[in-house]
Structure formats: structure tokens, C-alpha cells
Amino acid sequence: MPPTTRSHVLTGQHAVQLAEGTVLRFFLARGDEVGGPGEWGAVTDAEFQYAYEIALFDPAGIAVGELRPNARRVHVPLDSVVGVGGFLWADGAADAGGSGGSAGVMTTNGKTPQDCGLLLAEFLVETGGAA
């Protein structure tokens, strides 16, 4: 019997509308690389997925060619802030000033993290630079 649903694939788009109408949007914070210092930058679903997967591993291990679990990584569901199924992750590699490291947010309500009140600077202060 043939499958009744389509396979899930990355689209290469920043905003992805699902069949039921939900709009997924993807954002990263990586120092000066995306969005500038202290800001969430819009990225594609593929860029977000790649950064998410890299954050699963210890950055010190990656630097020497070893894959080790990242004990500092955090993953926080944010249903009430950015929409049902939305979340934030951080690799835990930033210093207290927010330098280094990376963090990402997927919103499911079609809004930016800033529109949802999720400001990167506040997140860094509250977590001591966990991003």
C-alpha cells in the first residue's frame, strides 16, 4: 500500500507553511554571523537543522575531530511563547558576554522571536551566556 503522507524534507526556506496552516520560522544567533550581535537572524530550515545538529556535540571535541555529547547544550520547549511546538536550543558555548556559541529558535506562530518577547540579550543575561 502506498504511503498516504508526503515525506518530510527541508525546503531551504526561512518560513515554511504546513498543510494545516501553521507557519514555521527559523532563527539563529551566532555572534556576528547571523543577525548581528545581540539579535536573532532569520535563516533557512536547512541552516537551522545543521546548526541544531552540530550543537548536539561538544565543541571542544569537534575541534579535535571527536564526536562527544555536548553536556552544556540546552533545549527548551516554548509553546506558550512562540507557538505550540516551538522551541529554543543553545550549545552552551558562549561566555557570559554572549561571545561564541550558538542558539536557535523555531517559532510556529509565524512571528519573530522579538515579536514574541524573546530577546537574545535578555536570554544571555538570564542564563549567564548559555547561548
Protein backbone atom coordinates (compact mmCIF):
# COMPACT_ATOMS: atom_id res chain seq x y z
CA MET A 1 0.00 0.00 0.00
CA PRO A 2 1.50 3.41 -0.97
CA PRO A 3 2.16 5.97 1.78
CA THR A 4 -0.66 8.42 2.39
CA THR A 5 1.56 11.30 3.50
CA ARG A 6 4.49 13.06 1.89
CA SER A 7 7.99 12.61 3.25
CA HIS A 8 9.36 15.32 5.45
CA VAL A 9 12.13 17.28 3.75
CA LEU A 10 13.99 20.51 4.31
CA THR A 11 12.81 23.23 1.96
CA GLY A 12 15.68 25.73 2.02
CA GLN A 13 13.16 28.42 3.01
CA HIS A 14 13.02 30.65 6.10
CA ALA A 15 9.24 30.37 6.51
CA VAL A 16 7.56 27.02 5.92
CA GLN A 17 3.77 26.74 5.85
CA LEU A 18 2.42 23.34 6.81
CA ALA A 19 -0.75 21.86 5.34
CA GLU A 20 -2.84 22.71 8.43
CA GLY A 21 -1.75 26.37 8.19
CA THR A 22 0.99 26.51 10.82
CA VAL A 23 3.93 28.71 9.76
CA LEU A 24 7.34 27.61 10.99
CA ARG A 25 10.09 30.25 11.09
CA PHE A 26 13.75 29.65 11.90
CA PHE A 27 16.26 31.94 13.66
CA LEU A 28 19.87 31.64 14.80
CA ALA A 29 22.20 33.71 16.94
CA ARG A 30 25.92 33.16 16.36
CA GLY A 31 27.82 36.31 17.28
CA ASP A 32 28.36 38.48 14.20
CA GLU A 33 27.47 35.78 11.67
CA VAL A 34 23.65 35.97 11.75
CA GLY A 35 21.54 38.99 12.63
CA GLY A 36 24.42 40.90 14.22
CA PRO A 37 25.48 40.83 17.85
CA GLY A 38 22.59 40.53 20.26
CA GLU A 39 19.97 39.69 17.63
CA TRP A 40 18.20 36.65 16.23
CA GLY A 41 18.83 36.32 12.49
CA ALA A 42 16.42 34.70 10.05
CA VAL A 43 17.82 31.53 8.44
CA THR A 44 16.53 28.68 6.29
CA ASP A 45 15.23 25.44 7.75
CA ALA A 46 18.34 23.67 6.41
CA GLU A 47 20.75 26.14 8.10
CA PHE A 48 18.78 25.80 11.33
CA GLN A 49 18.84 21.98 11.19
CA TYR A 50 22.60 21.92 10.53
CA ALA A 51 23.34 24.26 13.47
CA TYR A 52 20.96 22.26 15.70
CA GLU A 53 22.75 19.01 14.87
CA ILE A 54 26.24 20.49 15.39
CA ALA A 55 25.11 21.76 18.83
CA LEU A 56 24.42 18.15 19.87
CA PHE A 57 28.18 17.59 20.02
CA ASP A 58 30.84 19.03 22.33
CA PRO A 59 32.58 21.95 20.52
CA ALA A 60 35.94 21.02 22.12
CA GLY A 61 35.58 17.50 20.75
CA ILE A 62 34.66 18.74 17.27
CA ALA A 63 37.78 20.95 17.29
CA VAL A 64 39.95 17.82 17.64
CA GLY A 65 37.87 15.61 15.36
CA GLU A 66 35.97 13.71 18.06
CA LEU A 67 32.19 13.39 18.39
CA ARG A 68 31.24 13.61 22.06
CA PRO A 69 27.84 14.55 23.52
CA ASN A 70 27.50 18.21 24.45
CA ALA A 71 26.73 18.27 28.19
CA ARG A 72 26.21 22.07 28.13
CA ARG A 73 23.53 22.02 25.42
CA VAL A 74 20.03 23.13 26.38
CA HIS A 75 16.69 22.54 24.63
CA VAL A 76 13.64 24.37 25.94
CA PRO A 77 10.06 24.00 24.66
CA LEU A 78 8.43 27.41 24.31
CA ASP A 79 4.84 26.56 23.41
CA SER A 80 3.32 29.47 25.31
CA VAL A 81 5.85 32.00 23.96
CA VAL A 82 6.48 31.18 20.27
CA GLY A 83 3.62 28.80 19.43
CA VAL A 84 2.82 25.14 20.06
CA GLY A 85 5.82 23.00 19.14
CA GLY A 86 8.21 25.97 19.09
CA PHE A 87 11.48 25.70 20.95
CA LEU A 88 14.85 27.22 21.75
CA TRP A 89 18.19 25.42 21.83
CA ALA A 90 21.66 26.63 22.77
CA ASP A 91 25.02 24.90 22.59
CA GLY A 92 26.17 26.36 25.94
CA ALA A 93 29.48 27.52 24.49
CA ALA A 94 29.04 31.30 24.85
CA ASP A 95 30.85 33.24 27.52
CA ALA A 96 28.93 35.47 29.95
CA GLY A 97 29.12 38.34 27.46
CA GLY A 98 27.47 36.24 24.76
CA SER A 99 30.61 35.76 22.65
CA GLY A 100 30.98 32.45 20.87
CA GLY A 101 28.46 29.67 20.88
CA SER A 102 25.19 29.46 19.02
CA ALA A 103 21.49 29.32 19.76
CA GLY A 104 18.36 28.82 17.70
CA VAL A 105 14.63 29.40 17.92
CA MET A 106 11.86 27.85 15.84
CA THR A 107 8.59 29.73 16.06
CA THR A 108 5.31 28.13 15.00
CA ASN A 109 3.09 31.21 15.09
CA GLY A 110 4.64 32.97 12.08
CA LYS A 111 6.29 35.64 14.27
CA THR A 112 9.89 36.56 15.03
CA PRO A 113 11.35 35.78 18.48
CA GLN A 114 11.42 39.55 19.12
CA ASP A 115 7.68 39.80 18.29
CA CYS A 116 7.12 37.05 20.88
CA GLY A 117 9.15 38.92 23.53
CA LEU A 118 12.10 36.52 23.32
CA LEU A 119 15.04 38.91 23.23
CA LEU A 120 18.51 37.42 22.83
CA ALA A 121 20.16 39.91 25.20
CA GLU A 122 17.72 39.01 27.99
CA PHE A 123 18.22 35.29 27.36
CA LEU A 124 22.01 35.72 27.67
CA VAL A 125 21.69 37.69 30.92
CA GLU A 126 19.22 35.21 32.47
CA THR A 127 21.31 32.17 31.55
CA GLY A 128 24.74 33.68 32.17
CA GLY A 129 25.60 33.38 28.48
CA ALA A 130 24.25 29.90 27.81
CA ALA A 131 23.80 30.61 24.13
